[in-house]
Amino acid sequence: MTTRREFIGCGAAFAAAPFIPNAAMAAAKDGLRLRFGVMADIHINEIPWSQKKWPAALKWFDKQGADAIMVCGDMADYGVEAELQRVANDWFKVFPNNRRSDGQPIVNLLHYGDHDMSHDIYKRLRKSEMDKFYGGEKAMSEHLIWNRDPGAIWERCFHEKWAPVQIKNVKGYDFVLSHFTIGEPNNKWGNNTPELAPTLAAHKFDPKKPFFHSQHRIYRDTACGKYAWGQEDGSTGKLLSQYPNCIAFCGHGHFMGQQENSIWQGAFTALEVPSLSYLAGDTTREHENGYGSFLGKDKKQVRTSPPQMGHFFYGGVSQVYLVDVYDDRVVVHRHEVSTDLPVADDWVIPIDSSKRPYTHEAIAERAQAPQFAADAKAAWKVIKGKDRKGTPTEQLEVTFPVATSPRAYDFEVAVVAGEKRLKRNVYSHKCCVALAKDTDPGRCLFAVSELPASPDQCKIAVRPREIFGKSGKAIVAMGPKA
């Protein structure tokens, strides 16, 4: 079951089966040295809807026989101790005495993120919810983790010693966990980890094995691209660049796991981990149904008009990574827990660090432009709708099929009248679920007032795109007077 993409990038020796179902994952243990789960940004709070995905994910990893579970920060959503205690309670409910249901040990690879260590995020919560679930704003402010000895709180919750940087060994493989801390000299905003350099220098790593690092902030200029928001100051990446056998995980960005730029290889390997709580998509690109605020590469607003569409579907979606370590490769399964289906092909990382199939340049070169089916058609009509702010608006609704080969990252929709053109980018509504579930028709809305001409005088073209910019052939709908 070798994909053409993996064969080209890694060679047959490192090609692994894409879209491996649970039965196959269970059967793929021949030569398996270590299996661990990875999550990020679980954002547990005292509001009941936030509390379902975390224990469900733990139970799923238990069924997969994970030896350890990593969470790349942002566990306590509003930075309150009771939230972290809830995270710990669920852990020990699923893994009493740090044991799986089959009695085998499982290791906690959790660490703090910026929400866990925040002094003011709790102020975003509505007063009614503060009062109902936390006993009011005063009680929340008095029970924050960041100013009440984070180490002692961690030890109370997880019954283990805490340090700003911890090294844990699981079945012969080292994991370096960098807690998000803030306020130390040269670390006013938490964009670096002061204790990491001495910790790495003091530890002897086996150069023949990979070791794994985890932090919350995105490693600068690595996974998800140069303009990904929430990057560290570059100091961590500089340190890890001394270790070509390091595979590093981070969270914070809430990017989707099927984004092919979520993995990066340079002097080390970096992966951005999707949020278990909610997925934002690419916040540095303009998507009409995206989560971002239409920021350009210079982080300035590129548009003042409100989006005409709500956010794409992410309710109930729980994306995770399941990582299998072999003597010659590390396989990263990208999976969706609630549907129990993969969301994209596996990444197969060679242990031989001289082989770098996942540089962004290599991924972009291998990428194929997605194409619509030969009989695919686009359609349009004018409707009375509302923009995202709820303002009644006359809108042009464009619809199209989302089925492409290979799967599209997003779609460019252009309305053209002569030399004038208005373009919008959209995700499929269920872009973050497994391919088999992504069946809703594609949809893009324009405010009629912004169009270059009346709709019946326009040509409408829809192109599927992959994340590095290659576009497939457009399908076109013509107004009767175009």
Protein backbone atom coordinates (compact mmCIF):
# COMPACT_ATOMS: atom_id res chain seq x y z
CA MET A 1 0.00 0.00 0.00
CA THR A 2 2.75 2.45 -0.95
CA THR A 3 1.56 5.83 -2.24
CA ARG A 4 3.28 7.41 -5.20
CA ARG A 5 4.04 10.44 -3.04
CA GLU A 6 5.80 8.38 -0.37
CA PHE A 7 7.65 6.28 -2.96
CA ILE A 8 9.07 9.35 -4.67
CA GLY A 9 9.93 11.12 -1.44
CA CYS A 10 11.34 8.40 0.74
CA GLY A 11 12.11 5.46 -1.48
CA ALA A 12 10.44 2.09 -1.22
CA ALA A 13 12.37 1.25 1.92
CA PHE A 14 10.57 3.95 3.86
CA ALA A 15 7.16 3.89 2.22
CA ALA A 16 4.36 3.06 4.62
CA ALA A 17 0.70 2.35 4.11
CA PRO A 18 -1.47 5.47 3.96
CA PHE A 19 -4.88 5.53 5.56
CA ILE A 20 -4.14 2.65 7.91
CA PRO A 21 -7.30 1.54 9.74
CA ASN A 22 -7.19 0.41 13.35
CA ALA A 23 -6.88 -3.27 12.47
CA ALA A 24 -3.93 -2.59 10.22
CA MET A 25 -2.30 -0.31 12.80
CA ALA A 26 -2.65 -3.07 15.36
CA ALA A 27 -1.15 -5.56 12.91
CA ALA A 28 1.73 -3.24 11.95
CA LYS A 29 3.67 -3.94 15.14
CA ASP A 30 6.31 -6.18 13.57
CA GLY A 31 9.55 -4.42 14.46
CA LEU A 32 7.73 -1.69 16.40
CA ARG A 33 9.90 -0.29 19.20
CA LEU A 34 7.68 2.46 20.58
CA ARG A 35 4.18 3.85 20.04
CA PHE A 36 3.03 7.17 21.47
CA GLY A 37 0.15 9.57 21.00
CA VAL A 38 0.45 13.29 20.41
CA MET A 39 -2.14 16.01 21.05
CA ALA A 40 -2.06 19.75 21.56
CA ASP A 41 -4.27 22.56 22.81
CA ILE A 42 -6.93 20.48 24.53
CA HIS A 43 -8.32 23.60 26.30
CA ILE A 44 -10.21 21.98 29.17
CA ASN A 45 -12.33 24.32 31.28
CA GLU A 46 -15.22 24.00 33.70
CA ILE A 47 -17.85 24.43 30.99
CA PRO A 48 -19.15 20.92 30.23
CA TRP A 49 -18.87 20.97 26.42
CA SER A 50 -15.07 21.34 26.68
CA GLN A 51 -14.65 18.16 28.70
CA LYS A 52 -15.61 15.37 26.27
CA LYS A 53 -12.79 15.14 23.73
CA TRP A 54 -9.90 14.67 26.16
CA PRO A 55 -11.07 11.43 27.86
CA ALA A 56 -12.31 10.10 24.50
CA ALA A 57 -8.85 10.64 23.01
CA LEU A 58 -7.18 8.97 26.00
CA LYS A 59 -9.42 5.93 25.58
CA TRP A 60 -8.64 5.80 21.86
CA PHE A 61 -4.89 5.84 22.55
CA ASP A 62 -5.42 3.15 25.19
CA LYS A 63 -6.98 0.93 22.51
CA GLN A 64 -4.01 1.56 20.23
CA GLY A 65 -1.60 0.36 22.91
CA ALA A 66 0.24 3.68 23.24
CA ASP A 67 3.30 3.59 25.50
CA ALA A 68 3.07 7.31 26.21
CA ILE A 69 0.92 10.34 25.42
CA MET A 70 2.27 13.80 24.68
CA VAL A 71 0.28 17.03 24.98
CA CYS A 72 2.03 20.12 23.60
CA GLY A 73 0.54 22.55 26.11
CA ASP A 74 -2.66 24.52 26.63
CA MET A 75 -4.48 22.09 28.86
CA ALA A 76 -6.05 24.46 31.44
CA ASP A 77 -8.01 26.74 29.14
CA TYR A 78 -8.24 29.76 31.45
CA GLY A 79 -5.12 28.98 33.47
CA VAL A 80 -7.01 27.91 36.61
CA GLU A 81 -5.79 25.09 38.84
CA ALA A 82 -9.21 23.38 38.88
CA GLU A 83 -8.95 22.95 35.10
CA LEU A 84 -5.54 21.29 35.34
CA GLN A 85 -6.88 19.08 38.10
CA ARG A 86 -9.71 18.03 35.79
CA VAL A 87 -7.13 17.12 33.12
CA ALA A 88 -5.25 15.02 35.69
CA ASN A 89 -8.42 13.40 37.05
CA ASP A 90 -9.39 12.21 33.57
CA TRP A 91 -5.88 10.91 32.98
CA PHE A 92 -5.92 8.80 36.13
CA LYS A 93 -9.49 7.66 35.51
CA VAL A 94 -8.44 6.17 32.16
CA PHE A 95 -4.93 5.23 33.33
CA PRO A 96 -5.08 4.40 37.06
CA ASN A 97 -1.56 4.29 38.51
CA ASN A 98 -0.33 5.23 35.01
CA ARG A 99 -1.40 1.86 33.62
CA ARG A 100 -3.33 1.10 30.46
CA SER A 101 -6.42 -1.09 30.53
CA ASP A 102 -4.21 -4.08 29.68
CA GLY A 103 -2.04 -3.41 32.74
CA GLN A 104 0.98 -2.11 30.80
CA PRO A 105 2.59 1.19 31.85
CA ILE A 106 1.86 4.45 30.05
CA VAL A 107 3.92 7.62 30.46
CA ASN A 108 2.57 11.14 30.83
CA LEU A 109 4.40 13.51 28.42
CA LEU A 110 2.32 16.57 29.25
CA HIS A 111 3.56 20.11 29.76
CA TYR A 112 2.33 23.67 30.21
CA GLY A 113 1.37 26.03 27.36
CA ASP A 114 0.62 29.73 27.37
CA HIS A 115 -3.02 29.28 28.43
CA ASP A 116 -1.92 27.22 31.43
CA MET A 117 0.43 30.02 32.46
CA SER A 118 -1.74 33.01 31.54
CA HIS A 119 -2.53 35.84 33.94
CA ASP A 120 -5.39 37.39 31.96
CA ILE A 121 -7.01 34.96 29.49
CA TYR A 122 -9.66 34.22 32.10
CA LYS A 123 -11.00 37.75 31.55
CA ARG A 124 -12.31 36.66 28.14
CA LEU A 125 -14.92 34.47 29.82
CA ARG A 126 -18.44 35.86 30.12
CA LYS A 127 -19.36 37.00 33.60
CA SER A 128 -22.34 34.64 33.71
CA GLU A 129 -20.04 31.68 33.05
CA MET A 130 -17.44 32.92 35.54
CA ASP A 131 -20.13 33.05 38.18
CA LYS A 132 -21.76 29.72 37.31
CA PHE A 133 -18.70 27.54 36.79
CA TYR A 134 -15.86 29.24 38.70
CA GLY A 135 -17.47 31.16 41.53
CA GLY A 136 -16.86 34.55 39.94
CA GLU A 137 -13.96 36.60 38.61
CA LYS A 138 -12.31 37.07 42.00
CA ALA A 139 -12.19 33.33 42.61
CA MET A 140 -10.69 32.74 39.15
CA SER A 141 -8.01 35.40 39.66
CA GLU A 142 -7.04 33.86 43.00
CA HIS A 143 -6.64 30.35 41.59
CA LEU A 144 -4.45 30.97 38.56
CA ILE A 145 -1.53 28.62 38.02
CA TRP A 146 1.08 31.15 36.90
CA ASN A 147 1.34 33.11 40.15
CA ARG A 148 0.76 30.29 42.65
CA ASP A 149 3.84 28.07 42.24
CA PRO A 150 3.24 26.19 38.96
CA GLY A 151 5.62 23.42 40.04
CA ALA A 152 3.76 22.65 43.25
CA ILE A 153 0.41 22.71 41.42
CA TRP A 154 1.75 20.28 38.82
CA GLU A 155 2.99 17.93 41.52
CA ARG A 156 -0.38 18.03 43.30
CA CYS A 157 -2.25 17.21 40.09
CA PHE A 158 0.04 14.62 38.48
CA HIS A 159 1.93 13.20 41.48
CA GLU A 160 5.35 13.66 39.90
CA LYS A 161 8.25 16.07 40.27
CA TRP A 162 8.22 19.15 38.07
CA ALA A 163 11.01 21.11 36.42
CA PRO A 164 10.88 23.76 33.67
CA VAL A 165 12.47 21.23 31.31
CA GLN A 166 12.06 17.52 31.94
CA ILE A 167 13.61 14.50 30.25
CA LYS A 168 11.70 11.24 30.36
CA ASN A 169 12.83 7.97 28.84
CA VAL A 170 10.22 5.64 27.37
CA LYS A 171 11.39 2.19 26.24
CA GLY A 172 14.87 3.50 25.52
CA TYR A 173 13.85 6.74 23.75
CA ASP A 174 14.37 10.19 25.26
CA PHE A 175 11.64 12.83 25.42
CA VAL A 176 12.57 16.42 26.28
CA LEU A 177 9.55 18.38 27.52
CA SER A 178 9.79 22.18 27.68
CA HIS A 179 7.12 23.71 29.88
CA PHE A 180 5.89 27.14 28.86
CA THR A 181 7.22 29.58 31.42
CA ILE A 182 7.11 33.35 31.46
CA GLY A 183 8.70 36.31 33.19
CA GLU A 184 12.28 35.07 33.58
CA PRO A 185 15.16 37.32 32.43
CA ASN A 186 15.13 37.46 28.61
CA ASN A 187 11.81 35.61 28.56
CA LYS A 188 9.25 38.30 29.29
CA TRP A 189 6.56 36.81 27.03
CA GLY A 190 7.41 33.11 27.07
CA ASN A 191 8.97 33.00 23.62
CA ASN A 192 11.96 30.92 24.70
CA THR A 193 12.91 28.32 27.30
CA PRO A 194 15.84 29.48 29.48
CA GLU A 195 16.48 26.04 30.99
CA LEU A 196 16.63 24.15 27.70
CA ALA A 197 20.27 24.84 26.75
CA PRO A 198 21.79 23.59 30.02
CA THR A 199 19.43 20.60 30.09
CA LEU A 200 20.44 19.51 26.59
CA ALA A 201 24.13 20.09 27.31
CA ALA A 202 24.00 17.95 30.44
CA HIS A 203 22.31 14.98 28.80
CA LYS A 204 23.96 12.39 26.58
CA PHE A 205 21.69 11.44 23.67
CA ASP A 206 22.17 8.29 21.62
CA PRO A 207 23.05 9.62 18.13
CA LYS A 208 21.79 6.41 16.52
CA LYS A 209 18.26 6.92 17.83
CA PRO A 210 15.80 9.75 17.40
CA PHE A 211 14.91 11.76 20.46
CA PHE A 212 11.75 13.81 20.78
CA HIS A 213 11.24 17.38 21.94
CA SER A 214 7.96 19.08 22.74
CA GLN A 215 7.09 22.71 23.43
CA HIS A 216 4.05 24.88 22.96
CA ARG A 217 5.22 27.68 20.67
CA ILE A 218 5.92 26.94 16.98
CA TYR A 219 9.60 26.55 16.12
CA ARG A 220 10.48 29.67 14.15
CA ASP A 221 10.48 29.38 10.35
CA THR A 222 9.71 25.67 10.38
CA ALA A 223 6.35 23.84 10.50
CA CYS A 224 3.44 25.64 8.81
CA GLY A 225 5.77 28.10 7.16
CA LYS A 226 7.63 31.29 7.79
CA TYR A 227 4.53 33.33 8.51
CA ALA A 228 2.78 30.96 10.93
CA TRP A 229 1.58 32.86 13.96
CA GLY A 230 2.72 32.08 17.50
CA GLN A 231 6.38 31.29 16.81
CA GLU A 232 9.12 31.19 19.42
CA ASP A 233 12.01 33.63 19.15
CA GLY A 234 14.27 31.19 17.29
CA SER A 235 16.43 30.18 20.23
CA THR A 236 14.92 26.71 20.59
CA GLY A 237 15.29 25.95 16.90
CA LYS A 238 18.90 27.09 17.05
CA LEU A 239 19.59 24.69 19.92
CA LEU A 240 17.82 21.76 18.26
CA SER A 241 19.68 22.39 15.00
CA GLN A 242 22.68 20.77 16.69
CA TYR A 243 20.74 17.49 16.80
CA PRO A 244 19.79 16.10 13.37
CA ASN A 245 18.19 13.13 15.14
CA CYS A 246 15.68 15.38 16.97
CA ILE A 247 12.00 15.14 16.04
CA ALA A 248 10.24 18.10 17.63
CA PHE A 249 6.52 18.67 18.23
CA CYS A 250 4.72 21.93 18.96
CA GLY A 251 1.17 23.22 19.30
CA HIS A 252 -0.34 26.69 19.64
CA GLY A 253 -1.24 27.22 15.97
CA HIS A 254 -4.43 25.11 15.83
CA PHE A 255 -3.54 24.23 12.24
CA MET A 256 -5.17 21.23 10.60
CA GLY A 257 -3.20 17.99 10.63
CA GLN A 258 -3.75 17.39 6.92
CA GLN A 259 -1.83 20.53 6.05
CA GLU A 260 1.19 19.13 4.25
CA ASN A 261 3.35 21.99 5.53
CA SER A 262 2.69 20.93 9.14
CA ILE A 263 5.87 18.87 8.89
CA TRP A 264 9.26 20.44 8.15
CA GLN A 265 12.77 19.10 7.88
CA GLY A 266 15.95 21.14 8.06
CA ALA A 267 18.72 20.70 10.59
CA PHE A 268 16.11 18.84 12.68
CA THR A 269 12.51 17.72 12.09
CA ALA A 270 9.54 19.77 13.34
CA LEU A 271 5.81 19.00 13.38
CA GLU A 272 2.94 21.28 14.32
CA VAL A 273 0.26 19.32 16.18
CA PRO A 274 -3.44 20.06 15.53
CA SER A 275 -5.60 21.23 18.41
CA LEU A 276 -7.82 18.61 19.98
CA SER A 277 -10.27 21.36 20.96
CA TYR A 278 -10.80 23.31 17.74
CA LEU A 279 -9.06 23.82 14.40
CA ALA A 280 -8.45 27.25 12.96
CA GLY A 281 -6.97 26.61 9.55
CA ASP A 282 -4.27 28.85 8.15
CA THR A 283 -4.66 32.23 9.85
CA THR A 284 -2.10 33.91 7.58
CA ARG A 285 -4.18 33.29 4.46
CA GLU A 286 -7.48 34.87 3.57
CA HIS A 287 -10.29 32.31 3.63
CA GLU A 288 -13.90 33.40 3.49
CA ASN A 289 -14.87 30.60 5.89
CA GLY A 290 -11.61 30.53 7.82
CA TYR A 291 -10.89 31.42 11.42
CA GLY A 292 -8.26 34.08 10.79
CA SER A 293 -8.53 37.84 10.66
CA PHE A 294 -7.28 38.31 7.09
CA LEU A 295 -3.67 39.07 7.94
CA GLY A 296 -1.03 39.48 5.27
CA LYS A 297 2.57 38.30 5.49
CA ASP A 298 3.42 41.55 7.25
CA LYS A 299 0.72 40.75 9.85
CA LYS A 300 -1.36 43.75 8.67
CA GLN A 301 -5.02 43.58 7.72
CA VAL A 302 -5.45 42.88 4.01
CA ARG A 303 -9.19 43.46 3.95
CA THR A 304 -11.72 45.56 5.82
CA SER A 305 -15.01 44.01 4.65
CA PRO A 306 -16.41 41.25 6.89
CA PRO A 307 -16.42 37.62 5.73
CA GLN A 308 -19.67 36.60 4.11
CA MET A 309 -19.53 33.10 5.58
CA GLY A 310 -19.26 31.46 8.97
CA HIS A 311 -16.36 29.26 10.00
CA PHE A 312 -15.93 25.83 8.40
CA PHE A 313 -17.14 22.82 10.41
CA TYR A 314 -14.97 21.82 13.32
CA GLY A 315 -17.51 20.79 15.95
CA GLY A 316 -16.73 17.39 17.40
CA VAL A 317 -13.52 17.02 15.37
CA SER A 318 -10.61 15.55 17.37
CA GLN A 319 -7.41 15.33 15.36
CA VAL A 320 -4.39 13.56 16.86
CA TYR A 321 -1.12 11.96 15.80
CA LEU A 322 -0.23 8.35 16.56
CA VAL A 323 3.53 7.88 16.24
CA ASP A 324 5.19 4.51 15.60
CA VAL A 325 8.96 4.21 16.03
CA TYR A 326 10.93 1.49 14.23
CA ASP A 327 14.66 0.95 13.87
CA ASP A 328 14.74 2.58 10.44
CA ARG A 329 11.78 5.00 10.44
CA VAL A 330 9.23 6.95 12.43
CA VAL A 331 5.67 6.77 11.09
CA VAL A 332 3.20 9.53 11.98
CA HIS A 333 -0.44 8.51 11.54
CA ARG A 334 -2.76 11.54 11.23
CA HIS A 335 -6.08 10.45 12.69
CA GLU A 336 -9.51 11.77 13.65
CA VAL A 337 -10.74 10.22 16.89
CA SER A 338 -14.51 10.79 16.72
CA THR A 339 -14.86 9.16 13.28
CA ASP A 340 -11.95 6.74 13.90
CA LEU A 341 -10.66 7.51 10.41
CA PRO A 342 -7.36 8.88 9.08
CA VAL A 343 -7.37 12.46 7.82
CA ALA A 344 -4.36 12.20 5.48
CA ASP A 345 -1.51 9.99 4.36
CA ASP A 346 1.05 8.91 6.94
CA TRP A 347 4.34 10.77 7.18
CA VAL A 348 7.29 8.34 7.09
CA ILE A 349 10.44 9.91 8.56
CA PRO A 350 13.69 8.00 7.92
CA ILE A 351 15.91 7.48 10.96
CA ASP A 352 18.86 8.19 8.66
CA SER A 353 19.02 11.96 9.12
CA SER A 354 20.86 12.42 5.82
CA LYS A 355 17.52 11.70 4.14
CA ARG A 356 15.17 14.69 4.34
CA PRO A 357 12.00 13.92 2.33
CA TYR A 358 9.96 16.53 4.21
CA THR A 359 11.70 19.78 3.51
CA HIS A 360 9.02 22.15 2.30
CA GLU A 361 10.83 22.37 -1.03
CA ALA A 362 10.72 18.59 -1.44
CA ILE A 363 7.04 18.36 -0.47
CA ALA A 364 6.13 21.19 -2.84
CA GLU A 365 8.04 19.57 -5.70
CA ARG A 366 6.24 16.24 -5.22
CA ALA A 367 2.81 17.82 -4.82
CA GLN A 368 0.28 17.27 -7.58
CA ALA A 369 -2.33 19.83 -8.52
CA PRO A 370 -5.78 18.57 -7.46
CA GLN A 371 -8.28 18.13 -10.28
CA PHE A 372 -12.07 18.06 -10.43
CA ALA A 373 -13.83 15.13 -12.06
CA ALA A 374 -14.42 15.58 -15.77
CA ASP A 375 -18.16 16.10 -15.27
CA ALA A 376 -17.86 18.55 -12.33
CA LYS A 377 -19.94 21.72 -12.61
CA ALA A 378 -20.19 25.00 -10.71
CA ALA A 379 -23.45 26.91 -10.19
CA TRP A 380 -24.50 30.27 -8.77
CA LYS A 381 -27.53 32.18 -7.58
CA VAL A 382 -28.32 35.41 -5.73
CA ILE A 383 -29.69 34.99 -2.20
CA LYS A 384 -30.68 37.16 0.72
CA GLY A 385 -28.26 36.23 3.50
CA LYS A 386 -26.16 37.62 6.34
CA ASP A 387 -22.46 38.23 6.64
CA ARG A 388 -20.49 36.87 9.59
CA LYS A 389 -21.39 39.90 11.68
CA GLY A 390 -25.09 39.15 11.14
CA THR A 391 -25.74 42.08 8.79
CA PRO A 392 -28.43 41.30 6.18
CA THR A 393 -26.67 41.20 2.81
CA GLU A 394 -27.58 40.38 -0.77
CA GLN A 395 -25.12 37.64 -1.67
CA LEU A 396 -23.88 35.71 -4.66
CA GLU A 397 -23.78 32.02 -3.69
CA VAL A 398 -21.40 29.83 -5.70
CA THR A 399 -21.61 26.05 -5.26
CA PHE A 400 -19.34 23.31 -6.57
CA PRO A 401 -18.31 19.69 -5.79
CA VAL A 402 -15.39 19.23 -3.39
CA ALA A 403 -14.31 15.84 -4.72
CA THR A 404 -10.90 16.17 -6.35
CA SER A 405 -7.91 13.93 -6.94
CA PRO A 406 -5.76 14.33 -4.95
CA ARG A 407 -7.76 16.00 -2.17
CA ALA A 408 -7.67 19.80 -2.40
CA TYR A 409 -6.38 21.92 0.46
CA ASP A 410 -8.74 24.76 -0.50
CA PHE A 411 -10.55 26.36 -3.46
CA GLU A 412 -10.05 29.67 -5.22
CA VAL A 413 -13.31 31.20 -6.45
CA ALA A 414 -13.08 34.14 -8.86
CA VAL A 415 -15.82 36.40 -10.21
CA VAL A 416 -14.63 38.03 -13.44
CA ALA A 417 -16.09 40.82 -15.58
CA GLY A 418 -13.77 42.01 -18.32
CA GLU A 419 -10.50 43.10 -16.72
CA LYS A 420 -12.02 43.24 -13.25
CA ARG A 421 -11.74 40.28 -10.90
CA LEU A 422 -12.81 39.53 -7.32
CA LYS A 423 -11.29 36.42 -5.72
CA ARG A 424 -12.08 34.58 -2.52
CA ASN A 425 -10.52 31.44 -1.04
CA VAL A 426 -12.61 28.87 0.81
CA TYR A 427 -12.13 25.57 2.55
CA SER A 428 -14.59 22.75 2.00
CA HIS A 429 -17.08 22.88 4.85
CA LYS A 430 -15.77 19.62 6.32
CA CYS A 431 -12.14 20.12 5.36
CA CYS A 432 -10.84 18.88 8.71
CA VAL A 433 -12.56 15.50 8.75
CA ALA A 434 -11.59 12.30 6.98
CA LEU A 435 -11.82 12.29 3.20
CA ALA A 436 -14.74 9.86 3.22
CA LYS A 437 -16.77 12.31 5.33
CA ASP A 438 -15.93 15.44 3.33
CA THR A 439 -18.96 15.24 1.02
CA ASP A 440 -20.91 18.48 1.56
CA PRO A 441 -21.02 20.65 -1.59
CA GLY A 442 -18.46 23.43 -1.69
CA ARG A 443 -19.84 26.91 -1.16
CA CYS A 444 -18.54 30.46 -1.43
CA LEU A 445 -20.44 33.69 -0.77
CA PHE A 446 -19.75 37.18 -2.12
CA ALA A 447 -21.50 40.42 -1.21
CA VAL A 448 -23.24 41.48 -4.42
CA SER A 449 -22.23 45.06 -3.67
CA GLU A 450 -18.53 44.08 -4.01
CA LEU A 451 -18.81 42.28 -7.36
CA PRO A 452 -17.12 43.78 -10.43
CA ALA A 453 -20.46 43.74 -12.31
CA SER A 454 -23.97 42.39 -11.88
CA PRO A 455 -23.91 38.58 -11.46
CA ASP A 456 -25.51 37.87 -14.85
CA GLN A 457 -22.62 39.69 -16.52
CA CYS A 458 -19.89 37.72 -14.76
CA LYS A 459 -17.90 34.56 -15.33
CA ILE A 460 -17.33 32.48 -12.20
CA ALA A 461 -14.31 30.16 -12.05
CA VAL A 462 -13.50 27.66 -9.27
CA ARG A 463 -10.03 26.12 -8.97
CA PRO A 464 -8.90 23.43 -6.48
CA ARG A 465 -5.49 24.11 -4.90
CA GLU A 466 -2.87 22.26 -2.89
CA ILE A 467 -1.21 24.03 0.03
CA PHE A 468 1.94 25.06 -1.80
CA GLY A 469 -0.05 26.78 -4.54
CA LYS A 470 -0.47 24.38 -7.45
CA SER A 471 -3.95 24.78 -8.93
CA GLY A 472 -6.04 22.37 -10.95
CA LYS A 473 -8.15 23.18 -14.00
CA ALA A 474 -11.05 25.52 -13.26
CA ILE A 475 -14.73 24.70 -13.63
CA VAL A 476 -16.69 27.69 -14.90
CA ALA A 477 -20.23 29.02 -14.57
CA MET A 478 -21.30 31.87 -16.89
CA GLY A 479 -23.93 34.53 -16.31
CA PRO A 480 -26.37 34.74 -19.26
CA LYS A 481 -25.00 38.13 -20.29
CA ALA A 482 -21.30 37.36 -19.71
